[in-house]
All heavy atoms as atom14 arrays in JSON, in Angstrom:
{
  "sequence": "RAYIAMVLAQDTDYVLLDEPLNNLDMKHSAAMMTMLRRAVDDL",
  "atom14_mask": [
    [1, 1, 1, 1, 1, 1, 1, 1, 1, 1, 1, 0, 0, 0],
    [1, 1, 1, 1, 1, 0, 0, 0, 0, 0, 0, 0, 0, 0],
    [1, 1, 1, 1, 1, 1, 1, 1, 1, 1, 1, 1, 0, 0],
    [1, 1, 1, 1, 1, 1, 1, 1, 0, 0, 0, 0, 0, 0],
    [1, 1, 1, 1, 1, 0, 0, 0, 0, 0, 0, 0, 0, 0],
    [1, 1, 1, 1, 1, 1, 1, 1, 0, 0, 0, 0, 0, 0],
    [1, 1, 1, 1, 1, 1, 1, 0, 0, 0, 0, 0, 0, 0],
    [1, 1, 1, 1, 1, 1, 1, 1, 0, 0, 0, 0, 0, 0],
    [1, 1, 1, 1, 1, 0, 0, 0, 0, 0, 0, 0, 0, 0],
    [1, 1, 1, 1, 1, 1, 1, 1, 1, 0, 0, 0, 0, 0],
    [1, 1, 1, 1, 1, 1, 1, 1, 0, 0, 0, 0, 0, 0],
    [1, 1, 1, 1, 1, 1, 1, 0, 0, 0, 0, 0, 0, 0],
    [1, 1, 1, 1, 1, 1, 1, 1, 0, 0, 0, 0, 0, 0],
    [1, 1, 1, 1, 1, 1, 1, 1, 1, 1, 1, 1, 0, 0],
    [1, 1, 1, 1, 1, 1, 1, 0, 0, 0, 0, 0, 0, 0],
    [1, 1, 1, 1, 1, 1, 1, 1, 0, 0, 0, 0, 0, 0],
    [1, 1, 1, 1, 1, 1, 1, 1, 0, 0, 0, 0, 0, 0],
    [1, 1, 1, 1, 1, 1, 1, 1, 0, 0, 0, 0, 0, 0],
    [1, 1, 1, 1, 1, 1, 1, 1, 1, 0, 0, 0, 0, 0],
    [1, 1, 1, 1, 1, 1, 1, 0, 0, 0, 0, 0, 0, 0],
    [1, 1, 1, 1, 1, 1, 1, 1, 0, 0, 0, 0, 0, 0],
    [1, 1, 1, 1, 1, 1, 1, 1, 0, 0, 0, 0, 0, 0],
    [1, 1, 1, 1, 1, 1, 1, 1, 0, 0, 0, 0, 0, 0],
    [1, 1, 1, 1, 1, 1, 1, 1, 0, 0, 0, 0, 0, 0],
    [1, 1, 1, 1, 1, 1, 1, 1, 0, 0, 0, 0, 0, 0],
    [1, 1, 1, 1, 1, 1, 1, 1, 0, 0, 0, 0, 0, 0],
    [1, 1, 1, 1, 1, 1, 1, 1, 1, 0, 0, 0, 0, 0],
    [1, 1, 1, 1, 1, 1, 1, 1, 1, 1, 0, 0, 0, 0],
    [1, 1, 1, 1, 1, 1, 0, 0, 0, 0, 0, 0, 0, 0],
    [1, 1, 1, 1, 1, 0, 0, 0, 0, 0, 0, 0, 0, 0],
    [1, 1, 1, 1, 1, 0, 0, 0, 0, 0, 0, 0, 0, 0],
    [1, 1, 1, 1, 1, 1, 1, 1, 0, 0, 0, 0, 0, 0],
    [1, 1, 1, 1, 1, 1, 1, 1, 0, 0, 0, 0, 0, 0],
    [1, 1, 1, 1, 1, 1, 1, 0, 0, 0, 0, 0, 0, 0],
    [1, 1, 1, 1, 1, 1, 1, 1, 0, 0, 0, 0, 0, 0],
    [1, 1, 1, 1, 1, 1, 1, 1, 0, 0, 0, 0, 0, 0],
    [1, 1, 1, 1, 1, 1, 1, 1, 1, 1, 1, 0, 0, 0],
    [1, 1, 1, 1, 1, 1, 1, 1, 1, 1, 1, 0, 0, 0],
    [1, 1, 1, 1, 1, 0, 0, 0, 0, 0, 0, 0, 0, 0],
    [1, 1, 1, 1, 1, 1, 1, 0, 0, 0, 0, 0, 0, 0],
    [1, 1, 1, 1, 1, 1, 1, 1, 0, 0, 0, 0, 0, 0],
    [1, 1, 1, 1, 1, 1, 1, 1, 0, 0, 0, 0, 0, 0],
    [1, 1, 1, 1, 1, 1, 1, 1, 0, 0, 0, 0, 0, 0]
  ],
  "atom14_positions": [
    [[0.83, -1.2, 0.0], [0.0, 0.0, 0.0], [0.87, 1.26, 0.0], [0.53, 2.27, -0.64], [-0.94, 0.0, 1.2], [-2.09, -0.98, 1.04], [-2.67, -1.41, 2.37], [-3.13, -0.28, 3.18], [-3.32, -0.36, 4.49], [-3.08, -1.48, 5.14], [-3.75, 0.69, 5.16], [0.0, 0.0, 0.0], [0.0, 0.0, 0.0], [0.0, 0.0, 0.0]],
    [[2.01, 1.21, 0.7], [2.91, 2.37, 0.72], [3.49, 2.63, -0.67], [3.59, 3.79, -1.1], [4.03, 2.15, 1.73], [0.0, 0.0, 0.0], [0.0, 0.0, 0.0], [0.0, 0.0, 0.0], [0.0, 0.0, 0.0], [0.0, 0.0, 0.0], [0.0, 0.0, 0.0], [0.0, 0.0, 0.0], [0.0, 0.0, 0.0], [0.0, 0.0, 0.0]],
    [[3.86, 1.58, -1.38], [4.38, 1.75, -2.74], [3.32, 2.36, -3.66], [3.61, 3.21, -4.51], [4.85, 0.42, -3.31], [6.18, -0.05, -2.77], [6.29, -1.2, -2.0], [7.35, 0.66, -3.03], [7.51, -1.64, -1.5], [8.57, 0.25, -2.54], [8.65, -0.91, -1.78], [9.86, -1.33, -1.29], [0.0, 0.0, 0.0], [0.0, 0.0, 0.0]],
    [[2.09, 1.92, -3.51], [1.03, 2.45, -4.36], [0.72, 3.89, -3.98], [0.42, 4.73, -4.84], [-0.22, 1.55, -4.28], [0.12, 0.2, -4.94], [-1.42, 2.19, -4.96], [-0.98, -0.82, -4.89], [0.0, 0.0, 0.0], [0.0, 0.0, 0.0], [0.0, 0.0, 0.0], [0.0, 0.0, 0.0], [0.0, 0.0, 0.0], [0.0, 0.0, 0.0]],
    [[0.85, 4.23, -2.7], [0.71, 5.64, -2.29], [1.78, 6.49, -2.98], [1.5, 7.63, -3.41], [0.82, 5.76, -0.77], [0.0, 0.0, 0.0], [0.0, 0.0, 0.0], [0.0, 0.0, 0.0], [0.0, 0.0, 0.0], [0.0, 0.0, 0.0], [0.0, 0.0, 0.0], [0.0, 0.0, 0.0], [0.0, 0.0, 0.0], [0.0, 0.0, 0.0]],
    [[3.0, 5.98, -3.08], [4.07, 6.7, -3.78], [3.68, 6.97, -5.23], [3.87, 8.07, -5.76], [5.37, 5.9, -3.73], [6.51, 6.5, -4.53], [7.99, 5.44, -4.57], [7.37, 4.03, -5.52], [0.0, 0.0, 0.0], [0.0, 0.0, 0.0], [0.0, 0.0, 0.0], [0.0, 0.0, 0.0], [0.0, 0.0, 0.0], [0.0, 0.0, 0.0]],
    [[3.1, 5.94, -5.88], [2.7, 6.08, -7.28], [1.58, 7.12, -7.41], [1.6, 7.96, -8.31], [2.26, 4.72, -7.84], [1.59, 4.88, -9.2], [3.45, 3.78, -7.95], [0.0, 0.0, 0.0], [0.0, 0.0, 0.0], [0.0, 0.0, 0.0], [0.0, 0.0, 0.0], [0.0, 0.0, 0.0], [0.0, 0.0, 0.0], [0.0, 0.0, 0.0]],
    [[0.59, 7.08, -6.5], [-0.51, 8.04, -6.57], [-0.02, 9.46, -6.28], [-0.55, 10.43, -6.84], [-1.62, 7.65, -5.61], [-2.43, 6.4, -5.99], [-3.57, 6.2, -5.01], [-2.96, 6.48, -7.42], [0.0, 0.0, 0.0], [0.0, 0.0, 0.0], [0.0, 0.0, 0.0], [0.0, 0.0, 0.0], [0.0, 0.0, 0.0], [0.0, 0.0, 0.0]],
    [[0.97, 9.6, -5.41], [1.51, 10.93, -5.12], [2.17, 11.55, -6.35], [2.28, 12.78, -6.44], [2.52, 10.85, -3.97], [0.0, 0.0, 0.0], [0.0, 0.0, 0.0], [0.0, 0.0, 0.0], [0.0, 0.0, 0.0], [0.0, 0.0, 0.0], [0.0, 0.0, 0.0], [0.0, 0.0, 0.0], [0.0, 0.0, 0.0], [0.0, 0.0, 0.0]],
    [[2.57, 10.72, -7.29], [3.16, 11.24, -8.53], [2.13, 12.01, -9.35], [2.49, 12.82, -10.21], [3.75, 10.07, -9.34], [4.73, 10.5, -10.42], [5.46, 9.3, -11.01], [5.7, 8.29, -10.32], [5.82, 9.39, -12.28], [0.0, 0.0, 0.0], [0.0, 0.0, 0.0], [0.0, 0.0, 0.0], [0.0, 0.0, 0.0], [0.0, 0.0, 0.0]],
    [[0.85, 11.73, -9.07], [-0.26, 12.52, -9.62], [-0.22, 12.6, -11.14], [-0.28, 13.68, -11.73], [-0.26, 13.93, -9.01], [-1.58, 14.65, -9.24], [-2.61, 13.96, -9.38], [-1.57, 15.89, -9.29], [0.0, 0.0, 0.0], [0.0, 0.0, 0.0], [0.0, 0.0, 0.0], [0.0, 0.0, 0.0], [0.0, 0.0, 0.0], [0.0, 0.0, 0.0]],
    [[-0.15, 11.43, -11.77], [-0.18, 11.35, -13.23], [-1.57, 10.92, -13.69], [-2.34, 10.32, -12.94], [0.85, 10.33, -13.73], [0.57, 9.05, -13.14], [2.26, 10.76, -13.36], [0.0, 0.0, 0.0], [0.0, 0.0, 0.0], [0.0, 0.0, 0.0], [0.0, 0.0, 0.0], [0.0, 0.0, 0.0], [0.0, 0.0, 0.0], [0.0, 0.0, 0.0]],
    [[-1.87, 11.21, -14.95], [-3.16, 10.79, -15.5], [-3.2, 9.28, -15.74], [-4.27, 8.68, -15.69], [-3.43, 11.5, -16.83], [-3.73, 12.98, -16.63], [-4.2, 13.35, -15.54], [-3.49, 13.76, -17.58], [0.0, 0.0, 0.0], [0.0, 0.0, 0.0], [0.0, 0.0, 0.0], [0.0, 0.0, 0.0], [0.0, 0.0, 0.0], [0.0, 0.0, 0.0]],
    [[-2.03, 8.68, -15.98], [-1.94, 7.26, -16.3], [-1.14, 6.54, -15.21], [-0.05, 6.99, -14.84], [-1.27, 7.04, -17.66], [-2.03, 7.66, -18.81], [-1.82, 8.99, -19.16], [-2.96, 6.93, -19.54], [-2.52, 9.58, -20.2], [-3.67, 7.49, -20.58], [-3.45, 8.82, -20.91], [-4.15, 9.39, -21.94], [0.0, 0.0, 0.0], [0.0, 0.0, 0.0]],
    [[-1.7, 5.43, -14.71], [-1.06, 4.66, -13.64], [-1.0, 3.2, -14.07], [-2.03, 2.6, -14.41], [-1.85, 4.78, -12.32], [-1.2, 3.93, -11.23], [-1.95, 6.24, -11.87], [0.0, 0.0, 0.0], [0.0, 0.0, 0.0], [0.0, 0.0, 0.0], [0.0, 0.0, 0.0], [0.0, 0.0, 0.0], [0.0, 0.0, 0.0], [0.0, 0.0, 0.0]],
    [[0.21, 2.63, -14.06], [0.42, 1.25, -14.48], [0.92, 0.45, -13.27], [1.93, 0.82, -12.67], [1.45, 1.17, -15.61], [1.27, 2.15, -16.78], [2.38, 1.96, -17.8], [-0.09, 1.99, -17.43], [0.0, 0.0, 0.0], [0.0, 0.0, 0.0], [0.0, 0.0, 0.0], [0.0, 0.0, 0.0], [0.0, 0.0, 0.0], [0.0, 0.0, 0.0]],
    [[0.22, -0.63, -12.94], [0.55, -1.41, -11.75], [0.69, -2.88, -12.12], [-0.25, -3.49, -12.65], [-0.55, -1.25, -10.7], [-0.89, 0.18, -10.25], [-2.1, 0.18, -9.34], [0.3, 0.82, -9.55], [0.0, 0.0, 0.0], [0.0, 0.0, 0.0], [0.0, 0.0, 0.0], [0.0, 0.0, 0.0], [0.0, 0.0, 0.0], [0.0, 0.0, 0.0]],
    [[1.86, -3.44, -11.83], [2.12, -4.85, -12.13], [1.88, -5.66, -10.85], [2.65, -5.58, -9.89], [3.57, -5.02, -12.61], [3.82, -6.41, -13.19], [2.88, -7.25, -13.18], [4.94, -6.66, -13.65], [0.0, 0.0, 0.0], [0.0, 0.0, 0.0], [0.0, 0.0, 0.0], [0.0, 0.0, 0.0], [0.0, 0.0, 0.0], [0.0, 0.0, 0.0]],
    [[0.82, -6.44, -10.85], [0.43, -7.28, -9.71], [0.32, -6.46, -8.41], [1.03, -6.72, -7.43], [1.43, -8.42, -9.52], [1.23, -9.57, -10.5], [-0.12, -10.26, -10.32], [-0.58, -10.42, -9.18], [-0.73, -10.61, -11.34], [0.0, 0.0, 0.0], [0.0, 0.0, 0.0], [0.0, 0.0, 0.0], [0.0, 0.0, 0.0], [0.0, 0.0, 0.0]],
    [[-0.57, -5.48, -8.37], [-0.69, -4.65, -7.15], [-1.27, -5.41, -5.96], [-1.22, -4.9, -4.84], [-1.66, -3.54, -7.59], [-2.47, -4.16, -8.68], [-1.52, -5.06, -9.41], [0.0, 0.0, 0.0], [0.0, 0.0, 0.0], [0.0, 0.0, 0.0], [0.0, 0.0, 0.0], [0.0, 0.0, 0.0], [0.0, 0.0, 0.0], [0.0, 0.0, 0.0]],
    [[-1.8, -6.61, -6.17], [-2.37, -7.38, -5.06], [-1.34, -8.32, -4.42], [-1.7, -9.11, -3.54], [-3.58, -8.19, -5.55], [-4.68, -7.38, -6.24], [-5.88, -8.25, -6.55], [-5.09, -6.16, -5.41], [0.0, 0.0, 0.0], [0.0, 0.0, 0.0], [0.0, 0.0, 0.0], [0.0, 0.0, 0.0], [0.0, 0.0, 0.0], [0.0, 0.0, 0.0]],
    [[-0.09, -8.21, -4.85], [0.97, -9.01, -4.22], [0.98, -8.79, -2.71], [0.9, -7.66, -2.23], [2.35, -8.61, -4.78], [2.73, -9.45, -5.98], [2.0, -10.37, -6.37], [3.86, -9.13, -6.57], [0.0, 0.0, 0.0], [0.0, 0.0, 0.0], [0.0, 0.0, 0.0], [0.0, 0.0, 0.0], [0.0, 0.0, 0.0], [0.0, 0.0, 0.0]],
    [[1.1, -9.88, -1.96], [1.23, -9.84, -0.5], [-0.04, -9.39, 0.22], [0.01, -9.13, 1.43], [2.39, -8.92, -0.06], [3.72, -9.37, -0.6], [4.07, -10.54, -0.5], [4.47, -8.46, -1.2], [0.0, 0.0, 0.0], [0.0, 0.0, 0.0], [0.0, 0.0, 0.0], [0.0, 0.0, 0.0], [0.0, 0.0, 0.0], [0.0, 0.0, 0.0]],
    [[-1.15, -9.25, -0.49], [-2.38, -8.82, 0.15], [-3.31, -10.02, 0.35], [-3.48, -10.84, -0.56], [-3.1, -7.76, -0.7], [-2.34, -6.45, -0.96], [-3.22, -5.5, -1.76], [-1.9, -5.8, 0.34], [0.0, 0.0, 0.0], [0.0, 0.0, 0.0], [0.0, 0.0, 0.0], [0.0, 0.0, 0.0], [0.0, 0.0, 0.0], [0.0, 0.0, 0.0]],
    [[-3.93, -10.09, 1.52], [-4.94, -11.14, 1.73], [-6.24, -10.73, 1.04], [-6.32, -9.68, 0.39], [-5.15, -11.38, 3.23], [-5.59, -10.13, 3.99], [-6.15, -9.2, 3.36], [-5.37, -10.07, 5.21], [0.0, 0.0, 0.0], [0.0, 0.0, 0.0], [0.0, 0.0, 0.0], [0.0, 0.0, 0.0], [0.0, 0.0, 0.0], [0.0, 0.0, 0.0]],
    [[-7.27, -11.58, 1.15], [-8.51, -11.33, 0.42], [-9.15, -10.01, 0.81], [-9.61, -9.24, -0.05], [-9.49, -12.48, 0.64], [-9.12, -13.76, -0.08], [-10.41, -15.03, 0.07], [-10.3, -15.41, 1.82], [0.0, 0.0, 0.0], [0.0, 0.0, 0.0], [0.0, 0.0, 0.0], [0.0, 0.0, 0.0], [0.0, 0.0, 0.0], [0.0, 0.0, 0.0]],
    [[-9.17, -9.72, 2.11], [-9.8, -8.48, 2.58], [-9.08, -7.27, 2.02], [-9.73, -6.33, 1.5], [-9.8, -8.45, 4.11], [-10.34, -7.16, 4.7], [-10.28, -7.17, 6.22], [-10.76, -5.84, 6.81], [-10.69, -5.85, 8.3], [0.0, 0.0, 0.0], [0.0, 0.0, 0.0], [0.0, 0.0, 0.0], [0.0, 0.0, 0.0], [0.0, 0.0, 0.0]],
    [[-7.75, -7.26, 2.1], [-7.01, -6.09, 1.65], [-6.92, -6.04, 0.13], [-6.79, -4.95, -0.45], [-5.62, -6.07, 2.29], [-5.65, -5.73, 3.75], [-5.62, -6.68, 4.74], [-5.76, -4.53, 4.39], [-5.67, -6.1, 5.92], [-5.77, -4.8, 5.74], [0.0, 0.0, 0.0], [0.0, 0.0, 0.0], [0.0, 0.0, 0.0], [0.0, 0.0, 0.0]],
    [[-7.0, -7.19, -0.54], [-7.08, -7.18, -2.0], [-8.36, -6.5, -2.46], [-8.35, -5.67, -3.37], [-7.02, -8.61, -2.55], [-5.74, -9.18, -2.34], [0.0, 0.0, 0.0], [0.0, 0.0, 0.0], [0.0, 0.0, 0.0], [0.0, 0.0, 0.0], [0.0, 0.0, 0.0], [0.0, 0.0, 0.0], [0.0, 0.0, 0.0], [0.0, 0.0, 0.0]],
    [[-9.47, -6.86, -1.82], [-10.75, -6.23, -2.17], [-10.72, -4.73, -1.87], [-11.22, -3.91, -2.67], [-11.89, -6.91, -1.41], [0.0, 0.0, 0.0], [0.0, 0.0, 0.0], [0.0, 0.0, 0.0], [0.0, 0.0, 0.0], [0.0, 0.0, 0.0], [0.0, 0.0, 0.0], [0.0, 0.0, 0.0], [0.0, 0.0, 0.0], [0.0, 0.0, 0.0]],
    [[-10.11, -4.36, -0.73], [-10.01, -2.95, -0.38], [-9.13, -2.2, -1.39], [-9.43, -1.06, -1.78], [-9.45, -2.79, 1.03], [0.0, 0.0, 0.0], [0.0, 0.0, 0.0], [0.0, 0.0, 0.0], [0.0, 0.0, 0.0], [0.0, 0.0, 0.0], [0.0, 0.0, 0.0], [0.0, 0.0, 0.0], [0.0, 0.0, 0.0], [0.0, 0.0, 0.0]],
    [[-8.03, -2.84, -1.83], [-7.15, -2.21, -2.81], [-7.87, -1.99, -4.13], [-7.79, -0.91, -4.74], [-5.91, -3.08, -3.03], [-4.96, -2.54, -4.1], [-4.25, -0.94, -3.63], [-3.17, -1.45, -2.3], [0.0, 0.0, 0.0], [0.0, 0.0, 0.0], [0.0, 0.0, 0.0], [0.0, 0.0, 0.0], [0.0, 0.0, 0.0], [0.0, 0.0, 0.0]],
    [[-8.6, -3.0, -4.6], [-9.32, -2.86, -5.86], [-10.41, -1.79, -5.74], [-10.65, -1.03, -6.7], [-9.92, -4.2, -6.28], [-8.88, -5.25, -6.67], [-7.79, -4.74, -8.03], [-8.96, -4.51, -9.37], [0.0, 0.0, 0.0], [0.0, 0.0, 0.0], [0.0, 0.0, 0.0], [0.0, 0.0, 0.0], [0.0, 0.0, 0.0], [0.0, 0.0, 0.0]],
    [[-11.05, -1.71, -4.6], [-12.06, -0.67, -4.38], [-11.42, 0.72, -4.43], [-11.97, 1.66, -5.03], [-12.76, -0.88, -3.02], [-13.41, -2.15, -3.03], [-13.78, 0.22, -2.77], [0.0, 0.0, 0.0], [0.0, 0.0, 0.0], [0.0, 0.0, 0.0], [0.0, 0.0, 0.0], [0.0, 0.0, 0.0], [0.0, 0.0, 0.0], [0.0, 0.0, 0.0]],
    [[-10.24, 0.86, -3.84], [-9.54, 2.14, -3.84], [-9.13, 2.52, -5.28], [-9.29, 3.68, -5.7], [-8.3, 2.05, -2.95], [-7.52, 3.35, -2.82], [-6.36, 3.65, -4.19], [-5.29, 2.23, -4.03], [0.0, 0.0, 0.0], [0.0, 0.0, 0.0], [0.0, 0.0, 0.0], [0.0, 0.0, 0.0], [0.0, 0.0, 0.0], [0.0, 0.0, 0.0]],
    [[-8.64, 1.54, -6.05], [-8.24, 1.83, -7.43], [-9.45, 2.18, -8.28], [-9.39, 3.05, -9.15], [-7.49, 0.63, -8.01], [-6.15, 0.31, -7.35], [-5.57, -0.98, -7.91], [-5.16, 1.46, -7.51], [0.0, 0.0, 0.0], [0.0, 0.0, 0.0], [0.0, 0.0, 0.0], [0.0, 0.0, 0.0], [0.0, 0.0, 0.0], [0.0, 0.0, 0.0]],
    [[-10.56, 1.51, -8.02], [-11.81, 1.83, -8.73], [-12.22, 3.27, -8.43], [-12.64, 4.01, -9.32], [-12.88, 0.84, -8.28], [-14.26, 0.99, -8.91], [-14.27, 0.54, -10.34], [-14.32, 1.67, -11.24], [-14.23, 1.57, -12.55], [-14.06, 0.38, -13.11], [-14.3, 2.63, -13.31], [0.0, 0.0, 0.0], [0.0, 0.0, 0.0], [0.0, 0.0, 0.0]],
    [[-12.08, 3.69, -7.17], [-12.41, 5.05, -6.78], [-11.48, 6.06, -7.47], [-11.9, 7.16, -7.85], [-12.31, 5.23, -5.26], [-13.52, 4.69, -4.5], [-13.28, 4.75, -2.98], [-12.58, 5.96, -2.56], [-11.61, 5.97, -1.65], [-11.21, 4.85, -1.07], [-11.04, 7.1, -1.31], [0.0, 0.0, 0.0], [0.0, 0.0, 0.0], [0.0, 0.0, 0.0]],
    [[-10.2, 5.7, -7.59], [-9.24, 6.59, -8.24], [-9.62, 6.85, -9.69], [-9.38, 7.94, -10.23], [-7.82, 6.02, -8.14], [0.0, 0.0, 0.0], [0.0, 0.0, 0.0], [0.0, 0.0, 0.0], [0.0, 0.0, 0.0], [0.0, 0.0, 0.0], [0.0, 0.0, 0.0], [0.0, 0.0, 0.0], [0.0, 0.0, 0.0], [0.0, 0.0, 0.0]],
    [[-10.21, 5.86, -10.33], [-10.7, 6.04, -11.7], [-11.96, 6.89, -11.7], [-12.07, 7.88, -12.45], [-10.98, 4.66, -12.36], [-11.69, 4.84, -13.69], [-9.68, 3.9, -12.56], [0.0, 0.0, 0.0], [0.0, 0.0, 0.0], [0.0, 0.0, 0.0], [0.0, 0.0, 0.0], [0.0, 0.0, 0.0], [0.0, 0.0, 0.0], [0.0, 0.0, 0.0]],
    [[-12.91, 6.53, -10.85], [-14.21, 7.2, -10.87], [-14.17, 8.61, -10.3], [-14.81, 9.53, -10.83], [-15.24, 6.37, -10.09], [-15.49, 5.01, -10.71], [-15.26, 4.86, -11.93], [-15.89, 4.09, -9.98], [0.0, 0.0, 0.0], [0.0, 0.0, 0.0], [0.0, 0.0, 0.0], [0.0, 0.0, 0.0], [0.0, 0.0, 0.0], [0.0, 0.0, 0.0]],
    [[-13.4, 8.8, -9.21], [-13.4, 10.11, -8.53], [-12.31, 11.04, -9.03], [-12.48, 12.26, -9.04], [-13.23, 9.91, -7.02], [-14.36, 9.09, -6.41], [-15.42, 8.96, -7.06], [-14.19, 8.59, -5.28], [0.0, 0.0, 0.0], [0.0, 0.0, 0.0], [0.0, 0.0, 0.0], [0.0, 0.0, 0.0], [0.0, 0.0, 0.0], [0.0, 0.0, 0.0]],
    [[-11.15, 10.47, -9.39], [-10.0, 11.3, -9.77], [-9.74, 11.32, -11.26], [-8.85, 12.04, -11.73], [-8.74, 10.8, -9.03], [-8.84, 10.7, -7.51], [-7.54, 10.16, -6.93], [-9.2, 12.04, -6.9], [0.0, 0.0, 0.0], [0.0, 0.0, 0.0], [0.0, 0.0, 0.0], [0.0, 0.0, 0.0], [0.0, 0.0, 0.0], [0.0, 0.0, 0.0]]
  ]
}
């Protein structure tokens, strides 16, 4: 999550993530995908 925060802080229009669910359990994987979905819809 910290690495992805670094990427979002870069504040680019395009974000490329290779296996962003690495090391995440089911709960946090779902939360991560929800956050990325929000970044598309809200930002």
